[in-house]
Amino acid sequence: MMWGFLHRFASPRYFYDIAGRLVPWFGWACVALLAAGLYGGLVVAPPDYQQGESYRIIFIHVPSAWMSLFVYVVMAAAGAIGLVWRIKLAEVVVAASAPIGASFTFLALATGSLWG
């Protein structure tokens, strides 16, 4: 019973129908949580005793680096699923994740060069 429920989401038709309804909600939640996190990291956090205010870039650099690694792991897993089980939605995930991973990698490299 559970597998039938999950296999239904592997079909692009069902996935796009549900994702189309959930994207606005997740988008607004993302904006709110991003604003709260940036405010907490860049405004509320006290200055470091050695680096002063310049350490605050760590609140951008480290999450960007972790997210880039996470996106590449998701791409590898989705690629393996697409190759082994021939699920078309996994190939869409790989294609959609590549620019996101590249963007996070660029942000991590840019903030790392500014910080260090």
PDB file of N, CA and C in Angstrom:
ATOM      1  N   MET A   1       0.825  -1.188   0.000  1.00  0.00           N
ATOM      2  CA  MET A   1       0.000   0.000   0.000  1.00  0.00           C
ATOM      3  C   MET A   1       0.870   1.253   0.000  1.00  0.00           C
ATOM      4  N   MET A   2       1.894   1.277   0.815  1.00  0.00           N
ATOM      5  CA  MET A   2       2.759   2.446   0.874  1.00  0.00           C
ATOM      6  C   MET A   2       3.532   2.619  -0.423  1.00  0.00           C
ATOM      7  N   TRP A   3       3.959   1.495  -1.036  1.00  0.00           N
ATOM      8  CA  TRP A   3       4.718   1.602  -2.272  1.00  0.00           C
ATOM      9  C   TRP A   3       3.864   2.159  -3.398  1.00  0.00           C
ATOM     10  N   GLY A   4       2.603   1.793  -3.440  1.00  0.00           N
ATOM     11  CA  GLY A   4       1.714   2.344  -4.462  1.00  0.00           C
ATOM     12  C   GLY A   4       1.557   3.845  -4.325  1.00  0.00           C
ATOM     13  N   PHE A   5       1.499   4.304  -3.093  1.00  0.00           N
ATOM     14  CA  PHE A   5       1.408   5.738  -2.829  1.00  0.00           C
ATOM     15  C   PHE A   5       2.663   6.454  -3.309  1.00  0.00           C
ATOM     16  N   LEU A   6       3.836   5.866  -3.045  1.00  0.00           N
ATOM     17  CA  LEU A   6       5.091   6.490  -3.457  1.00  0.00           C
ATOM     18  C   LEU A   6       5.315   6.389  -4.961  1.00  0.00           C
ATOM     19  N   HIS A   7       4.932   5.274  -5.570  1.00  0.00           N
ATOM     20  CA  HIS A   7       5.113   5.117  -7.012  1.00  0.00           C
ATOM     21  C   HIS A   7       4.248   6.091  -7.802  1.00  0.00           C
ATOM     22  N   ARG A   8       3.141   6.487  -7.224  1.00  0.00           N
ATOM     23  CA  ARG A   8       2.288   7.456  -7.905  1.00  0.00           C
ATOM     24  C   ARG A   8       3.017   8.788  -8.067  1.00  0.00           C
ATOM     25  N   PHE A   9       3.844   9.164  -7.084  1.00  0.00           N
ATOM     26  CA  PHE A   9       4.579  10.424  -7.176  1.00  0.00           C
ATOM     27  C   PHE A   9       5.731  10.355  -8.171  1.00  0.00           C
ATOM     28  N   ALA A  10       6.126   9.169  -8.586  1.00  0.00           N
ATOM     29  CA  ALA A  10       7.164   9.042  -9.600  1.00  0.00           C
ATOM     30  C   ALA A  10       6.633   9.392 -10.981  1.00  0.00           C
ATOM     31  N   SER A  11       5.331   9.440 -11.130  1.00  0.00           N
ATOM     32  CA  SER A  11       4.722   9.841 -12.392  1.00  0.00           C
ATOM     33  C   SER A  11       4.740  11.361 -12.487  1.00  0.00           C
ATOM     34  N   PRO A  12       5.296  11.919 -13.568  1.00  0.00           N
ATOM     35  CA  PRO A  12       5.369  13.384 -13.679  1.00  0.00           C
ATOM     36  C   PRO A  12       4.010  14.067 -13.591  1.00  0.00           C
ATOM     37  N   ARG A  13       2.960  13.429 -14.083  1.00  0.00           N
ATOM     38  CA  ARG A  13       1.640  14.061 -14.062  1.00  0.00           C
ATOM     39  C   ARG A  13       1.179  14.329 -12.634  1.00  0.00           C
ATOM     40  N   TYR A  14       1.267  13.336 -11.761  1.00  0.00           N
ATOM     41  CA  TYR A  14       0.858  13.519 -10.365  1.00  0.00           C
ATOM     42  C   TYR A  14       1.813  14.444  -9.621  1.00  0.00           C
ATOM     43  N   PHE A  15       3.103  14.288  -9.902  1.00  0.00           N
ATOM     44  CA  PHE A  15       4.084  15.112  -9.208  1.00  0.00           C
ATOM     45  C   PHE A  15       3.897  16.590  -9.536  1.00  0.00           C
ATOM     46  N   TYR A  16       3.721  16.922 -10.810  1.00  0.00           N
ATOM     47  CA  TYR A  16       3.556  18.323 -11.191  1.00  0.00           C
ATOM     48  C   TYR A  16       2.256  18.904 -10.649  1.00  0.00           C
ATOM     49  N   ASP A  17       1.231  18.082 -10.551  1.00  0.00           N
ATOM     50  CA  ASP A  17      -0.037  18.558  -9.996  1.00  0.00           C
ATOM     51  C   ASP A  17       0.120  18.943  -8.527  1.00  0.00           C
ATOM     52  N   ILE A  18       0.738  18.074  -7.754  1.00  0.00           N
ATOM     53  CA  ILE A  18       0.916  18.352  -6.324  1.00  0.00           C
ATOM     54  C   ILE A  18       1.960  19.438  -6.111  1.00  0.00           C
ATOM     55  N   ALA A  19       3.056  19.384  -6.860  1.00  0.00           N
ATOM     56  CA  ALA A  19       4.114  20.387  -6.700  1.00  0.00           C
ATOM     57  C   ALA A  19       3.615  21.773  -7.075  1.00  0.00           C
ATOM     58  N   GLY A  20       2.756  21.860  -8.075  1.00  0.00           N
ATOM     59  CA  GLY A  20       2.214  23.160  -8.463  1.00  0.00           C
ATOM     60  C   GLY A  20       1.393  23.806  -7.362  1.00  0.00           C
ATOM     61  N   ARG A  21       0.738  22.978  -6.557  1.00  0.00           N
ATOM     62  CA  ARG A  21      -0.039  23.522  -5.436  1.00  0.00           C
ATOM     63  C   ARG A  21       0.829  23.850  -4.223  1.00  0.00           C
ATOM     64  N   LEU A  22       1.941  23.148  -4.044  1.00  0.00           N
ATOM     65  CA  LEU A  22       2.773  23.344  -2.859  1.00  0.00           C
ATOM     66  C   LEU A  22       3.872  24.389  -3.036  1.00  0.00           C
ATOM     67  N   VAL A  23       4.280  24.671  -4.261  1.00  0.00           N
ATOM     68  CA  VAL A  23       5.395  25.598  -4.493  1.00  0.00           C
ATOM     69  C   VAL A  23       5.146  26.981  -3.903  1.00  0.00           C
ATOM     70  N   PRO A  24       3.975  27.596  -4.063  1.00  0.00           N
ATOM     71  CA  PRO A  24       3.798  28.920  -3.443  1.00  0.00           C
ATOM     72  C   PRO A  24       3.951  28.894  -1.923  1.00  0.00           C
ATOM     73  N   TRP A  25       3.436  27.864  -1.274  1.00  0.00           N
ATOM     74  CA  TRP A  25       3.555  27.773   0.187  1.00  0.00           C
ATOM     75  C   TRP A  25       5.007  27.605   0.603  1.00  0.00           C
ATOM     76  N   PHE A  26       5.724  26.720  -0.072  1.00  0.00           N
ATOM     77  CA  PHE A  26       7.136  26.521   0.249  1.00  0.00           C
ATOM     78  C   PHE A  26       7.959  27.756  -0.098  1.00  0.00           C
ATOM     79  N   GLY A  27       7.571  28.466  -1.147  1.00  0.00           N
ATOM     80  CA  GLY A  27       8.284  29.689  -1.519  1.00  0.00           C
ATOM     81  C   GLY A  27       8.188  30.753  -0.442  1.00  0.00           C
ATOM     82  N   TRP A  28       6.985  30.976   0.072  1.00  0.00           N
ATOM     83  CA  TRP A  28       6.812  31.974   1.135  1.00  0.00           C
ATOM     84  C   TRP A  28       7.493  31.541   2.424  1.00  0.00           C
ATOM     85  N   ALA A  29       7.446  30.256   2.741  1.00  0.00           N
ATOM     86  CA  ALA A  29       8.157  29.765   3.930  1.00  0.00           C
ATOM     87  C   ALA A  29       9.661  29.952   3.769  1.00  0.00           C
ATOM     88  N   CYS A  30      10.169  29.727   2.567  1.00  0.00           N
ATOM     89  CA  CYS A  30      11.595  29.920   2.302  1.00  0.00           C
ATOM     90  C   CYS A  30      11.994  31.377   2.485  1.00  0.00           C
ATOM     91  N   VAL A  31      11.201  32.293   1.959  1.00  0.00           N
ATOM     92  CA  VAL A  31      11.510  33.722   2.093  1.00  0.00           C
ATOM     93  C   VAL A  31      11.496  34.139   3.559  1.00  0.00           C
ATOM     94  N   ALA A  32      10.503  33.686   4.314  1.00  0.00           N
ATOM     95  CA  ALA A  32      10.410  34.059   5.731  1.00  0.00           C
ATOM     96  C   ALA A  32      11.573  33.495   6.537  1.00  0.00           C
ATOM     97  N   LEU A  33      11.898  32.224   6.327  1.00  0.00           N
ATOM     98  CA  LEU A  33      12.999  31.621   7.078  1.00  0.00           C
ATOM     99  C   LEU A  33      14.351  32.189   6.662  1.00  0.00           C
ATOM    100  N   LEU A  34      14.513  32.496   5.384  1.00  0.00           N
ATOM    101  CA  LEU A  34      15.758  33.115   4.922  1.00  0.00           C
ATOM    102  C   LEU A  34      15.939  34.492   5.530  1.00  0.00           C
ATOM    103  N   ALA A  35      14.870  35.274   5.584  1.00  0.00           N
ATOM    104  CA  ALA A  35      14.954  36.603   6.193  1.00  0.00           C
ATOM    105  C   ALA A  35      15.271  36.505   7.681  1.00  0.00           C
ATOM    106  N   ALA A  36      14.640  35.572   8.379  1.00  0.00           N
ATOM    107  CA  ALA A  36      14.913  35.405   9.811  1.00  0.00           C
ATOM    108  C   ALA A  36      16.350  34.950  10.049  1.00  0.00           C
ATOM    109  N   GLY A  37      16.843  34.038   9.234  1.00  0.00           N
ATOM    110  CA  GLY A  37      18.216  33.560   9.388  1.00  0.00           C
ATOM    111  C   GLY A  37      19.245  34.629   9.083  1.00  0.00           C
ATOM    112  N   LEU A  38      19.010  35.395   8.020  1.00  0.00           N
ATOM    113  CA  LEU A  38      19.940  36.482   7.695  1.00  0.00           C
ATOM    114  C   LEU A  38      19.935  37.552   8.774  1.00  0.00           C
ATOM    115  N   TYR A  39      18.769  37.877   9.287  1.00  0.00           N
ATOM    116  CA  TYR A  39      18.696  38.870  10.366  1.00  0.00           C
ATOM    117  C   TYR A  39      19.444  38.373  11.605  1.00  0.00           C
ATOM    118  N   GLY A  40      19.223  37.124  11.965  1.00  0.00           N
ATOM    119  CA  GLY A  40      19.894  36.575  13.139  1.00  0.00           C
ATOM    120  C   GLY A  40      21.401  36.495  12.971  1.00  0.00           C
ATOM    121  N   GLY A  41      21.852  36.103  11.787  1.00  0.00           N
ATOM    122  CA  GLY A  41      23.287  35.948  11.563  1.00  0.00           C
ATOM    123  C   GLY A  41      24.022  37.245  11.316  1.00  0.00           C
ATOM    124  N   LEU A  42      23.387  38.172  10.624  1.00  0.00           N
ATOM    125  CA  LEU A  42      24.086  39.397  10.242  1.00  0.00           C
ATOM    126  C   LEU A  42      23.816  40.580  11.156  1.00  0.00           C
ATOM    127  N   VAL A  43      22.760  40.534  11.962  1.00  0.00           N
ATOM    128  CA  VAL A  43      22.420  41.678  12.815  1.00  0.00           C
ATOM    129  C   VAL A  43      22.494  41.312  14.297  1.00  0.00           C
ATOM    130  N   VAL A  44      21.874  40.205  14.688  1.00  0.00           N
ATOM    131  CA  VAL A  44      21.737  39.872  16.104  1.00  0.00           C
ATOM    132  C   VAL A  44      23.023  39.273  16.687  1.00  0.00           C
ATOM    133  N   ALA A  45      23.746  38.469  15.912  1.00  0.00           N
ATOM    134  CA  ALA A  45      24.934  37.789  16.435  1.00  0.00           C
ATOM    135  C   ALA A  45      25.987  38.804  16.866  1.00  0.00           C
ATOM    136  N   PRO A  46      26.589  38.591  18.030  1.00  0.00           N
ATOM    137  CA  PRO A  46      27.604  39.544  18.508  1.00  0.00           C
ATOM    138  C   PRO A  46      28.896  39.417  17.699  1.00  0.00           C
ATOM    139  N   PRO A  47      29.696  40.471  17.661  1.00  0.00           N
ATOM    140  CA  PRO A  47      30.965  40.399  16.927  1.00  0.00           C
ATOM    141  C   PRO A  47      31.941  39.425  17.595  1.00  0.00           C
ATOM    142  N   ASP A  48      32.797  38.842  16.781  1.00  0.00           N
ATOM    143  CA  ASP A  48      33.802  37.918  17.280  1.00  0.00           C
ATOM    144  C   ASP A  48      34.921  38.693  17.968  1.00  0.00           C
ATOM    145  N   TYR A  49      35.543  38.088  18.972  1.00  0.00           N
ATOM    146  CA  TYR A  49      36.567  38.814  19.721  1.00  0.00           C
ATOM    147  C   TYR A  49      37.878  38.941  18.945  1.00  0.00           C
ATOM    148  N   GLN A  50      38.129  38.062  17.952  1.00  0.00           N
ATOM    149  CA  GLN A  50      39.356  38.152  17.166  1.00  0.00           C
ATOM    150  C   GLN A  50      39.120  38.779  15.800  1.00  0.00           C
ATOM    151  N   GLN A  51      38.072  38.365  15.108  1.00  0.00           N
ATOM    152  CA  GLN A  51      37.844  38.812  13.741  1.00  0.00           C
ATOM    153  C   GLN A  51      36.929  40.019  13.651  1.00  0.00           C
ATOM    154  N   GLY A  52      36.252  40.357  14.704  1.00  0.00           N
ATOM    155  CA  GLY A  52      35.342  41.496  14.670  1.00  0.00           C
ATOM    156  C   GLY A  52      34.103  41.195  13.850  1.00  0.00           C
ATOM    157  N   GLU A  53      33.714  42.170  13.035  1.00  0.00           N
ATOM    158  CA  GLU A  53      32.495  42.029  12.228  1.00  0.00           C
ATOM    159  C   GLU A  53      32.701  41.170  10.979  1.00  0.00           C
ATOM    160  N   SER A  54      33.949  40.981  10.560  1.00  0.00           N
ATOM    161  CA  SER A  54      34.190  40.271   9.299  1.00  0.00           C
ATOM    162  C   SER A  54      33.856  38.782   9.378  1.00  0.00           C
ATOM    163  N   TYR A  55      33.705  38.239  10.569  1.00  0.00           N
ATOM    164  CA  TYR A  55      33.396  36.814  10.678  1.00  0.00           C
ATOM    165  C   TYR A  55      31.967  36.510  10.252  1.00  0.00           C
ATOM    166  N   ARG A  56      31.126  37.509  10.158  1.00  0.00           N
ATOM    167  CA  ARG A  56      29.706  37.273   9.845  1.00  0.00           C
ATOM    168  C   ARG A  56      29.506  36.634   8.478  1.00  0.00           C
ATOM    169  N   ILE A  57      30.511  36.719   7.623  1.00  0.00           N
ATOM    170  CA  ILE A  57      30.392  36.091   6.313  1.00  0.00           C
ATOM    171  C   ILE A  57      30.297  34.570   6.440  1.00  0.00           C
ATOM    172  N   ILE A  58      30.694  34.042   7.594  1.00  0.00           N
ATOM    173  CA  ILE A  58      30.592  32.603   7.827  1.00  0.00           C
ATOM    174  C   ILE A  58      29.134  32.142   7.784  1.00  0.00           C
ATOM    175  N   PHE A  59      28.210  33.041   8.111  1.00  0.00           N
ATOM    176  CA  PHE A  59      26.793  32.680   8.099  1.00  0.00           C
ATOM    177  C   PHE A  59      26.244  32.560   6.675  1.00  0.00           C
ATOM    178  N   ILE A  60      26.998  33.006   5.693  1.00  0.00           N
ATOM    179  CA  ILE A  60      26.644  32.820   4.287  1.00  0.00           C
ATOM    180  C   ILE A  60      27.508  31.716   3.677  1.00  0.00           C
ATOM    181  N   HIS A  61      28.808  31.750   3.983  1.00  0.00           N
ATOM    182  CA  HIS A  61      29.772  30.846   3.356  1.00  0.00           C
ATOM    183  C   HIS A  61      29.521  29.374   3.707  1.00  0.00           C
ATOM    184  N   VAL A  62      29.411  29.055   4.968  1.00  0.00           N
ATOM    185  CA  VAL A  62      29.295  27.650   5.385  1.00  0.00           C
ATOM    186  C   VAL A  62      27.979  27.013   4.924  1.00  0.00           C
ATOM    187  N   PRO A  63      26.821  27.675   5.095  1.00  0.00           N
ATOM    188  CA  PRO A  63      25.599  27.050   4.561  1.00  0.00           C
ATOM    189  C   PRO A  63      25.625  26.886   3.037  1.00  0.00           C
ATOM    190  N   SER A  64      26.258  27.817   2.339  1.00  0.00           N
ATOM    191  CA  SER A  64      26.361  27.682   0.885  1.00  0.00           C
ATOM    192  C   SER A  64      27.209  26.476   0.506  1.00  0.00           C
ATOM    193  N   ALA A  65      28.312  26.281   1.209  1.00  0.00           N
ATOM    194  CA  ALA A  65      29.167  25.127   0.927  1.00  0.00           C
ATOM    195  C   ALA A  65      28.437  23.818   1.223  1.00  0.00           C
ATOM    196  N   TRP A  66      27.739  23.758   2.350  1.00  0.00           N
ATOM    197  CA  TRP A  66      27.000  22.543   2.688  1.00  0.00           C
ATOM    198  C   TRP A  66      25.877  22.279   1.689  1.00  0.00           C
ATOM    199  N   MET A  67      25.179  23.325   1.296  1.00  0.00           N
ATOM    200  CA  MET A  67      24.080  23.135   0.338  1.00  0.00           C
ATOM    201  C   MET A  67      24.601  22.683  -1.017  1.00  0.00           C
ATOM    202  N   SER A  68      25.766  23.201  -1.440  1.00  0.00           N
ATOM    203  CA  SER A  68      26.310  22.749  -2.719  1.00  0.00           C
ATOM    204  C   SER A  68      26.637  21.259  -2.653  1.00  0.00           C
ATOM    205  N   LEU A  69      27.231  20.820  -1.563  1.00  0.00           N
ATOM    206  CA  LEU A  69      27.520  19.390  -1.418  1.00  0.00           C
ATOM    207  C   LEU A  69      26.240  18.564  -1.369  1.00  0.00           C
ATOM    208  N   PHE A  70      25.236  19.051  -0.655  1.00  0.00           N
ATOM    209  CA  PHE A  70      23.968  18.331  -0.561  1.00  0.00           C
ATOM    210  C   PHE A  70      23.295  18.208  -1.931  1.00  0.00           C
ATOM    211  N   VAL A  71      23.330  19.280  -2.706  1.00  0.00           N
ATOM    212  CA  VAL A  71      22.701  19.245  -4.025  1.00  0.00           C
ATOM    213  C   VAL A  71      23.422  18.253  -4.934  1.00  0.00           C
ATOM    214  N   TYR A  72      24.754  18.187  -4.844  1.00  0.00           N
ATOM    215  CA  TYR A  72      25.481  17.230  -5.677  1.00  0.00           C
ATOM    216  C   TYR A  72      25.225  15.787  -5.245  1.00  0.00           C
ATOM    217  N   VAL A  73      25.013  15.541  -3.967  1.00  0.00           N
ATOM    218  CA  VAL A  73      24.649  14.194  -3.509  1.00  0.00           C
ATOM    219  C   VAL A  73      23.251  13.831  -4.014  1.00  0.00           C
ATOM    220  N   VAL A  74      22.331  14.788  -3.974  1.00  0.00           N
ATOM    221  CA  VAL A  74      20.985  14.553  -4.513  1.00  0.00           C
ATOM    222  C   VAL A  74      21.067  14.255  -6.007  1.00  0.00           C
ATOM    223  N   MET A  75      21.923  14.984  -6.719  1.00  0.00           N
ATOM    224  CA  MET A  75      22.088  14.724  -8.152  1.00  0.00           C
ATOM    225  C   MET A  75      22.626  13.321  -8.404  1.00  0.00           C
ATOM    226  N   ALA A  76      23.595  12.882  -7.603  1.00  0.00           N
ATOM    227  CA  ALA A  76      24.153  11.540  -7.770  1.00  0.00           C
ATOM    228  C   ALA A  76      23.101  10.471  -7.489  1.00  0.00           C
ATOM    229  N   ALA A  77      22.333  10.658  -6.420  1.00  0.00           N
ATOM    230  CA  ALA A  77      21.294   9.680  -6.085  1.00  0.00           C
ATOM    231  C   ALA A  77      20.207   9.651  -7.154  1.00  0.00           C
ATOM    232  N   ALA A  78      19.779  10.818  -7.606  1.00  0.00           N
ATOM    233  CA  ALA A  78      18.741  10.862  -8.642  1.00  0.00           C
ATOM    234  C   ALA A  78      19.266  10.293  -9.958  1.00  0.00           C
ATOM    235  N   GLY A  79      20.529  10.543 -10.265  1.00  0.00           N
ATOM    236  CA  GLY A  79      21.116   9.964 -11.472  1.00  0.00           C
ATOM    237  C   GLY A  79      21.158   8.449 -11.410  1.00  0.00           C
ATOM    238  N   ALA A  80      21.518   7.905 -10.251  1.00  0.00           N
ATOM    239  CA  ALA A  80      21.536   6.451 -10.093  1.00  0.00           C
ATOM    240  C   ALA A  80      20.131   5.872 -10.202  1.00  0.00           C
ATOM    241  N   ILE A  81      19.165   6.535  -9.594  1.00  0.00           N
ATOM    242  CA  ILE A  81      17.775   6.072  -9.687  1.00  0.00           C
ATOM    243  C   ILE A  81      17.294   6.121 -11.134  1.00  0.00           C
ATOM    244  N   GLY A  82      17.648   7.192 -11.842  1.00  0.00           N
ATOM    245  CA  GLY A  82      17.249   7.301 -13.243  1.00  0.00           C
ATOM    246  C   GLY A  82      17.884   6.236 -14.117  1.00  0.00           C
ATOM    247  N   LEU A  83      19.142   5.885 -13.821  1.00  0.00           N
ATOM    248  CA  LEU A  83      19.815   4.858 -14.616  1.00  0.00           C
ATOM    249  C   LEU A  83      19.314   3.454 -14.296  1.00  0.00           C
ATOM    250  N   VAL A  84      19.101   3.172 -13.028  1.00  0.00           N
ATOM    251  CA  VAL A  84      18.735   1.813 -12.631  1.00  0.00           C
ATOM    252  C   VAL A  84      17.266   1.529 -12.903  1.00  0.00           C
ATOM    253  N   TRP A  85      16.383   2.402 -12.448  1.00  0.00           N
ATOM    254  CA  TRP A  85      14.951   2.133 -12.549  1.00  0.00           C
ATOM    255  C   TRP A  85      14.263   2.892 -13.678  1.00  0.00           C
ATOM    256  N   ARG A  86      14.993   3.685 -14.429  1.00  0.00           N
ATOM    257  CA  ARG A  86      14.453   4.422 -15.590  1.00  0.00           C
ATOM    258  C   ARG A  86      13.263   5.305 -15.217  1.00  0.00           C
ATOM    259  N   ILE A  87      13.375   5.995 -14.097  1.00  0.00           N
ATOM    260  CA  ILE A  87      12.326   6.921 -13.678  1.00  0.00           C
ATOM    261  C   ILE A  87      12.635   8.281 -14.287  1.00  0.00           C
ATOM    262  N   LYS A  88      11.731   8.774 -15.117  1.00  0.00           N
ATOM    263  CA  LYS A  88      11.975  10.020 -15.845  1.00  0.00           C
ATOM    264  C   LYS A  88      12.063  11.229 -14.927  1.00  0.00           C
ATOM    265  N   LEU A  89      11.330  11.203 -13.843  1.00  0.00           N
ATOM    266  CA  LEU A  89      11.344  12.328 -12.917  1.00  0.00           C
ATOM    267  C   LEU A  89      12.715  12.483 -12.258  1.00  0.00           C
ATOM    268  N   ALA A  90      13.451  11.393 -12.090  1.00  0.00           N
ATOM    269  CA  ALA A  90      14.798  11.477 -11.522  1.00  0.00           C
ATOM    270  C   ALA A  90      15.729  12.234 -12.461  1.00  0.00           C
ATOM    271  N   GLU A  91      15.560  12.050 -13.754  1.00  0.00           N
ATOM    272  CA  GLU A  91      16.379  12.787 -14.717  1.00  0.00           C
ATOM    273  C   GLU A  91      16.037  14.273 -14.708  1.00  0.00           C
ATOM    274  N   VAL A  92      14.783  14.587 -14.473  1.00  0.00           N
ATOM    275  CA  VAL A  92      14.379  15.992 -14.354  1.00  0.00           C
ATOM    276  C   VAL A  92      15.004  16.610 -13.108  1.00  0.00           C
ATOM    277  N   VAL A  93      15.061  15.851 -12.023  1.00  0.00           N
ATOM    278  CA  VAL A  93      15.685  16.341 -10.785  1.00  0.00           C
ATOM    279  C   VAL A  93      17.163  16.629 -11.022  1.00  0.00           C
ATOM    280  N   VAL A  94      17.846  15.760 -11.745  1.00  0.00           N
ATOM    281  CA  VAL A  94      19.265  15.980 -12.037  1.00  0.00           C
ATOM    282  C   VAL A  94      19.448  17.247 -12.860  1.00  0.00           C
ATOM    283  N   ALA A  95      18.648  17.416 -13.893  1.00  0.00           N
ATOM    284  CA  ALA A  95      18.787  18.592 -14.753  1.00  0.00           C
ATOM    285  C   ALA A  95      18.432  19.882 -14.022  1.00  0.00           C
ATOM    286  N   ALA A  96      17.454  19.826 -13.131  1.00  0.00           N
ATOM    287  CA  ALA A  96      17.057  21.026 -12.394  1.00  0.00           C
ATOM    288  C   ALA A  96      18.023  21.341 -11.258  1.00  0.00           C
ATOM    289  N   SER A  97      18.700  20.338 -10.729  1.00  0.00           N
ATOM    290  CA  SER A  97      19.601  20.555  -9.599  1.00  0.00           C
ATOM    291  C   SER A  97      20.963  21.092 -10.013  1.00  0.00           C
ATOM    292  N   ALA A  98      21.374  20.862 -11.244  1.00  0.00           N
ATOM    293  CA  ALA A  98      22.712  21.278 -11.669  1.00  0.00           C
ATOM    294  C   ALA A  98      22.944  22.783 -11.542  1.00  0.00           C
ATOM    295  N   PRO A  99      22.060  23.655 -12.038  1.00  0.00           N
ATOM    296  CA  PRO A  99      22.320  25.090 -11.858  1.00  0.00           C
ATOM    297  C   PRO A  99      22.232  25.542 -10.406  1.00  0.00           C
ATOM    298  N   ILE A 100      21.407  24.875  -9.614  1.00  0.00           N
ATOM    299  CA  ILE A 100      21.307  25.228  -8.195  1.00  0.00           C
ATOM    300  C   ILE A 100      22.611  24.885  -7.486  1.00  0.00           C
ATOM    301  N   GLY A 101      23.142  23.705  -7.744  1.00  0.00           N
ATOM    302  CA  GLY A 101      24.420  23.316  -7.151  1.00  0.00           C
ATOM    303  C   GLY A 101      25.557  24.212  -7.599  1.00  0.00           C
ATOM    304  N   ALA A 102      25.556  24.589  -8.876  1.00  0.00           N
ATOM    305  CA  ALA A 102      26.600  25.492  -9.370  1.00  0.00           C
ATOM    306  C   ALA A 102      26.491  26.867  -8.723  1.00  0.00           C
ATOM    307  N   SER A 103      25.273  27.341  -8.501  1.00  0.00           N
ATOM    308  CA  SER A 103      25.085  28.648  -7.852  1.00  0.00           C
ATOM    309  C   SER A 103      25.579  28.627  -6.410  1.00  0.00           C
ATOM    310  N   PHE A 104      25.242  27.579  -5.671  1.00  0.00           N
ATOM    311  CA  PHE A 104      25.727  27.472  -4.294  1.00  0.00           C
ATOM    312  C   PHE A 104      27.247  27.319  -4.252  1.00  0.00           C
ATOM    313  N   THR A 105      27.815  26.593  -5.215  1.00  0.00           N
ATOM    314  CA  THR A 105      29.266  26.450  -5.268  1.00  0.00           C
ATOM    315  C   THR A 105      29.926  27.789  -5.537  1.00  0.00           C
ATOM    316  N   PHE A 106      29.391  28.552  -6.482  1.00  0.00           N
ATOM    317  CA  PHE A 106      29.942  29.880  -6.763  1.00  0.00           C
ATOM    318  C   PHE A 106      29.852  30.781  -5.537  1.00  0.00           C
ATOM    319  N   LEU A 107      28.718  30.756  -4.854  1.00  0.00           N
ATOM    320  CA  LEU A 107      28.555  31.587  -3.658  1.00  0.00           C
ATOM    321  C   LEU A 107      29.537  31.173  -2.562  1.00  0.00           C
ATOM    322  N   ALA A 108      29.742  29.866  -2.387  1.00  0.00           N
ATOM    323  CA  ALA A 108      30.700  29.398  -1.380  1.00  0.00           C
ATOM    324  C   ALA A 108      32.120  29.805  -1.747  1.00  0.00           C
ATOM    325  N   LEU A 109      32.479  29.700  -3.018  1.00  0.00           N
ATOM    326  CA  LEU A 109      33.826  30.096  -3.435  1.00  0.00           C
ATOM    327  C   LEU A 109      34.029  31.602  -3.329  1.00  0.00           C
ATOM    328  N   ALA A 110      33.022  32.374  -3.701  1.00  0.00           N
ATOM    329  CA  ALA A 110      33.145  33.835  -3.640  1.00  0.00           C
ATOM    330  C   ALA A 110      33.240  34.319  -2.197  1.00  0.00           C
ATOM    331  N   THR A 111      32.393  33.804  -1.325  1.00  0.00           N
ATOM    332  CA  THR A 111      32.454  34.244   0.073  1.00  0.00           C
ATOM    333  C   THR A 111      33.702  33.707   0.765  1.00  0.00           C
ATOM    334  N   GLY A 112      34.167  32.540   0.369  1.00  0.00           N
ATOM    335  CA  GLY A 112      35.407  32.015   0.936  1.00  0.00           C
ATOM    336  C   GLY A 112      36.611  32.850   0.553  1.00  0.00           C
ATOM    337  N   SER A 113      36.634  33.336  -0.680  1.00  0.00           N
ATOM    338  CA  SER A 113      37.756  34.189  -1.086  1.00  0.00           C
ATOM    339  C   SER A 113      37.689  35.549  -0.410  1.00  0.00           C
ATOM    340  N   LEU A 114      36.503  36.039  -0.123  1.00  0.00           N
ATOM    341  CA  LEU A 114      36.382  37.306   0.600  1.00  0.00           C
ATOM    342  C   LEU A 114      36.758  37.150   2.071  1.00  0.00           C
ATOM    343  N   TRP A 115      36.420  36.019   2.634  1.00  0.00           N
ATOM    344  CA  TRP A 115      36.632  35.801   4.060  1.00  0.00           C
ATOM    345  C   TRP A 115      38.090  35.479   4.372  1.00  0.00           C
ATOM    346  N   GLY A 116      38.685  34.598   3.555  1.00  0.00           N
ATOM    347  CA  GLY A 116      40.016  34.108   3.889  1.00  0.00           C
ATOM    348  C   GLY A 116      41.089  34.793   3.155  1.00  0.00           C
TER     349      GLY A 116
END
